[in-house]
Protein backbone atom coordinates (compact mmCIF):
# COMPACT_ATOMS: atom_id res chain seq x y z
CA UNK A 1 19.96 295.63 142.42
CA UNK A 2 21.11 293.74 139.32
CA UNK A 3 24.45 294.51 137.69
CA UNK A 4 27.25 292.92 135.69
CA UNK A 5 30.83 293.36 136.90
CA UNK A 6 34.11 292.37 135.29
CA UNK A 7 36.92 291.44 137.67
CA UNK A 8 40.35 291.96 136.04
CA UNK A 9 42.73 288.99 136.13
CA UNK A 10 46.36 288.86 135.00
CA UNK A 11 45.46 287.62 131.52
CA UNK A 12 41.70 288.09 131.16
CA UNK A 13 38.61 289.21 133.12
CA UNK A 14 35.92 287.34 135.02
CA UNK A 15 32.27 288.28 134.49
CA UNK A 16 30.19 288.38 137.67
CA UNK A 17 26.40 288.79 137.54
CA UNK A 18 25.06 290.37 140.73
CA UNK A 19 21.44 290.02 141.86
CA UNK A 20 19.73 291.42 144.96
CA UNK A 21 21.00 293.28 147.98
CA UNK A 22 20.85 290.86 150.91
CA UNK A 23 23.29 291.11 153.81
CA UNK A 24 24.70 287.64 153.11
CA UNK A 25 26.36 286.77 149.78
CA UNK A 26 26.18 283.57 147.76
CA UNK A 27 28.80 282.90 145.09
CA UNK A 28 27.58 280.59 142.30
CA UNK A 29 29.72 278.77 139.75
CA UNK A 30 28.18 276.82 136.83
CA UNK A 31 29.19 273.69 134.94
CA UNK A 32 31.13 272.88 131.77
CA UNK A 33 30.12 274.72 128.61
CA UNK A 34 27.47 276.70 130.49
CA UNK A 35 27.12 280.11 132.09
CA UNK A 36 25.37 281.56 135.13
CA UNK A 37 21.91 280.95 133.63
CA UNK A 38 22.07 277.31 134.74
CA UNK A 39 20.96 278.71 138.12
CA UNK A 40 17.98 280.61 136.74
CA UNK A 41 15.50 278.25 138.44
CA UNK A 42 16.86 278.93 141.95
CA UNK A 43 18.13 282.53 141.84
CA UNK A 44 14.64 284.17 142.13
CA UNK A 45 14.01 282.35 145.42
CA UNK A 46 17.48 282.82 146.93
CA UNK A 47 17.65 286.50 146.01
CA UNK A 48 14.86 287.20 148.50
CA UNK A 49 17.31 286.59 151.36
CA UNK A 50 20.77 286.84 149.81
CA UNK A 51 22.87 288.82 147.38
CA UNK A 52 23.85 286.53 144.50
CA UNK A 53 27.20 286.76 142.70
CA UNK A 54 26.92 284.35 139.78
CA UNK A 55 30.24 283.93 137.99
CA UNK A 56 30.85 283.08 134.35
CA UNK A 57 33.99 280.93 134.62
CA UNK A 58 37.04 281.59 132.45
CA UNK A 59 36.22 280.64 128.86
CA UNK A 60 32.47 280.55 129.54
CA UNK A 61 29.63 283.03 129.12
CA UNK A 62 30.99 286.57 128.99
CA UNK A 63 34.38 285.64 130.47
CA UNK A 64 37.16 285.24 127.86
CA UNK A 65 39.56 282.29 127.95
CA UNK A 66 42.64 284.42 128.45
CA UNK A 67 46.15 283.30 127.53
CA UNK A 68 46.61 280.68 130.25
CA UNK A 69 45.73 276.99 130.02
CA UNK A 70 42.19 276.17 131.12
CA UNK A 71 42.37 274.01 134.26
CA UNK A 72 40.17 273.50 137.30
CA UNK A 73 42.92 274.76 139.59
CA UNK A 74 43.21 277.96 137.57
CA UNK A 75 39.43 278.43 137.60
CA UNK A 76 39.46 277.98 141.38
CA UNK A 77 42.21 280.61 141.64
CA UNK A 78 40.11 282.93 139.46
CA UNK A 79 37.15 282.45 141.81
CA UNK A 80 39.32 283.08 144.88
CA UNK A 81 40.64 286.27 143.31
CA UNK A 82 37.14 287.47 142.41
CA UNK A 83 35.95 286.92 145.99
CA UNK A 84 38.89 288.95 147.28
CA UNK A 85 38.56 291.71 144.67
CA UNK A 86 34.84 292.07 145.39
CA UNK A 87 35.61 292.11 149.14
CA UNK A 88 33.12 289.37 149.93
CA UNK A 89 33.21 288.38 153.59
CA UNK A 90 32.78 284.60 153.97
CA UNK A 91 30.02 284.14 151.41
CA UNK A 92 28.16 280.90 150.91
CA UNK A 93 29.04 278.94 147.75
CA UNK A 94 26.89 276.93 145.34
CA UNK A 95 28.74 275.02 142.65
CA UNK A 96 27.17 272.84 139.96
CA UNK A 97 29.15 270.11 138.14
CA UNK A 98 32.46 271.79 137.17
CA UNK A 99 31.48 274.54 139.60
CA UNK A 100 31.25 271.89 142.30
CA UNK A 101 34.77 270.70 141.43
CA UNK A 102 35.97 274.30 141.72
CA UNK A 103 34.24 274.51 145.10
CA UNK A 104 36.03 271.40 146.38
CA UNK A 105 39.39 272.83 145.31
CA UNK A 106 38.57 276.13 147.06
CA UNK A 107 37.57 274.29 150.23
CA UNK A 108 40.83 272.33 150.29
CA UNK A 109 43.17 275.20 149.36
CA UNK A 110 41.52 278.18 151.05
CA UNK A 111 40.14 277.26 154.50
CA UNK A 112 37.52 279.65 155.88
CA UNK A 113 37.23 281.61 152.63
CA UNK A 114 33.62 280.37 152.34
CA UNK A 115 31.02 280.03 155.08
CA UNK A 116 29.16 276.97 153.70
CA UNK A 117 29.52 275.02 150.47
CA UNK A 118 26.81 273.38 148.37
CA UNK A 119 28.50 271.00 145.92
CA UNK A 120 26.20 269.49 143.29
CA UNK A 121 27.10 266.82 140.72
CA UNK A 122 30.87 266.98 141.23
CA UNK A 123 33.55 264.34 140.71
CA UNK A 124 37.14 263.97 141.94
CA UNK A 125 38.46 262.43 138.71
CA UNK A 126 37.13 261.37 135.31
CA UNK A 127 36.67 257.78 136.53
CA UNK A 128 34.01 259.09 138.90
CA UNK A 129 31.76 259.53 135.86
CA UNK A 130 29.65 256.63 134.66
CA UNK A 131 31.51 254.53 132.08
CA UNK A 132 29.20 255.24 129.15
CA UNK A 133 29.25 258.96 129.90
CA UNK A 134 33.05 259.09 130.00
CA UNK A 135 33.32 257.05 126.78
CA UNK A 136 31.00 259.52 125.00
CA UNK A 137 32.93 262.50 126.33
CA UNK A 138 36.24 261.03 125.12
CA UNK A 139 34.77 260.40 121.67
CA UNK A 140 33.42 263.95 121.45
CA UNK A 141 36.69 265.41 122.72
CA UNK A 142 38.67 263.70 119.95
CA UNK A 143 36.11 264.87 117.38
CA UNK A 144 36.34 268.50 118.50
CA UNK A 145 40.13 268.28 118.78
CA UNK A 146 40.49 267.13 115.17
CA UNK A 147 38.08 269.78 113.88
CA UNK A 148 39.52 272.51 116.10
CA UNK A 149 42.34 273.10 113.60
CA UNK A 150 39.79 274.57 111.21
CA UNK A 151 37.07 275.94 113.52
CA UNK A 152 37.30 278.32 116.47
CA UNK A 153 34.04 276.94 117.89
CA UNK A 154 35.31 273.34 117.74
CA UNK A 155 38.59 274.40 119.32
CA UNK A 156 36.64 276.07 122.13
CA UNK A 157 34.61 272.88 122.65
CA UNK A 158 37.82 270.82 122.67
CA UNK A 159 39.22 272.97 125.48
CA UNK A 160 36.04 272.46 127.50
CA UNK A 161 35.90 268.71 126.85
CA UNK A 162 39.57 268.24 127.73
CA UNK A 163 38.73 269.32 131.27
CA UNK A 164 36.13 266.60 131.67
CA UNK A 165 38.20 263.73 130.24
CA UNK A 166 41.61 264.62 131.74
CA UNK A 167 40.72 266.41 134.96
CA UNK A 168 40.25 266.85 137.87
CA UNK A 169 42.71 264.75 139.88
CA UNK A 170 41.62 265.37 143.47
CA UNK A 171 42.76 262.80 146.01
CA UNK A 172 39.98 261.70 148.38
CA UNK A 173 42.35 262.03 151.34
CA UNK A 174 42.88 265.71 150.53
CA UNK A 175 39.20 266.34 151.29
CA UNK A 176 39.99 265.47 154.91
CA UNK A 177 41.57 268.91 155.20
CA UNK A 178 38.25 270.67 154.56
CA UNK A 179 37.17 272.58 157.66
CA UNK A 180 34.05 274.31 156.37
CA UNK A 181 30.54 272.79 156.27
CA UNK A 182 29.73 271.07 152.98
CA UNK A 183 26.45 269.81 151.53
CA UNK A 184 26.80 267.26 148.74
CA UNK A 185 23.89 267.10 146.25
CA UNK A 186 23.32 264.72 143.35
CA UNK A 187 20.51 263.09 141.41
CA UNK A 188 19.87 259.38 141.80
CA UNK A 189 20.37 259.12 138.01
CA UNK A 190 23.33 261.49 137.89
CA UNK A 191 26.17 261.13 135.38
CA UNK A 192 28.44 260.80 138.42
CA UNK A 193 28.50 257.32 139.94
CA UNK A 194 26.53 257.23 143.20
CA UNK A 195 29.38 255.34 144.85
CA UNK A 196 31.70 258.20 143.86
CA UNK A 197 29.34 260.82 145.30
CA UNK A 198 29.23 258.82 148.53
CA UNK A 199 33.05 258.67 148.53
CA UNK A 200 33.21 262.46 148.34
CA UNK A 201 30.78 262.82 151.24
CA UNK A 202 32.61 260.23 153.37
CA UNK A 203 35.95 261.94 152.76
CA UNK A 204 34.82 265.37 154.01
CA UNK A 205 34.59 265.70 157.80
CA UNK A 206 31.06 266.42 159.03
CA UNK A 207 29.62 266.75 155.53
CA UNK A 208 25.95 266.31 154.64
CA UNK A 209 24.64 264.43 151.60
CA UNK A 210 21.27 264.58 149.88
CA UNK A 211 20.38 262.43 146.87
CA UNK A 212 17.44 263.75 144.84
CA UNK A 213 15.21 260.93 143.65
CA UNK A 214 14.00 260.58 140.06
CA UNK A 215 16.55 263.14 138.88
CA UNK A 216 19.56 263.21 136.59
CA UNK A 217 22.52 265.57 136.62
CA UNK A 218 20.66 268.88 136.37
CA UNK A 219 19.24 268.98 139.89
CA UNK A 220 18.69 272.75 140.01
CA UNK A 221 16.73 272.69 136.75
CA UNK A 222 14.71 269.51 137.23
CA UNK A 223 14.02 269.61 140.99
CA UNK A 224 14.52 273.23 142.07
CA UNK A 225 11.94 273.15 144.89
CA UNK A 226 13.58 270.18 146.60
CA UNK A 227 17.05 271.61 146.09
CA UNK A 228 16.03 274.98 147.53
CA UNK A 229 14.43 273.37 150.58
CA UNK A 230 17.61 271.48 151.38
CA UNK A 231 19.84 274.50 150.67
CA UNK A 232 17.82 276.86 152.89
CA UNK A 233 17.93 274.36 155.75
CA UNK A 234 21.69 273.86 155.33
CA UNK A 235 22.45 277.59 155.19
CA UNK A 236 20.39 278.44 158.27
CA UNK A 237 20.93 275.50 160.63
CA UNK A 238 23.23 276.00 163.63
CA UNK A 239 26.66 274.42 163.50
């Protein structure tokens, strides 16, 4: 069964794309400036065993920005609320890039909400990004910010880019509070520094880490078979 649902929030609504009818749910959250289609290479395989709830984050895809400021904490609260409104019982979670950041915030703030987390290409702060990447993002942010006075599209881009250059600000020690199993994924040529990815993994008790070789940031698009193999093993192995 495929359907599109809109979960009402206090100032907007959150679009959730539902695929399949498995007994176990997987919540998916995409990256910055994207929508649920970033997972299109892995959904057809996962939907054989799971029901997929792929969320368009606030201000992305079919989900409007709403009146409130766009922050990672607010997007995590939106995701928490959607899980509760849809009455999902301890689903798995797959988050890519910004979606991975949202997943880390959920894991810290809402213990036992999620069964198992897959966090791909996430960072704890802007300095976790490679220097050249962050410099380019800052330059583009200022460009969109200046043009946003005259263009709705540029203003939208400025709001998205602000997230990447000013947020998140997650303390590594806060990850020590995470009680749920976490798999950290990244490409060996990711935009996130490999040392930063290793820091995230070290900071989470009993986490797993898998670095995909010969791959950049878009692991699910470039190496879907390898990603799926690792995800299936992680979701099904005994604790």
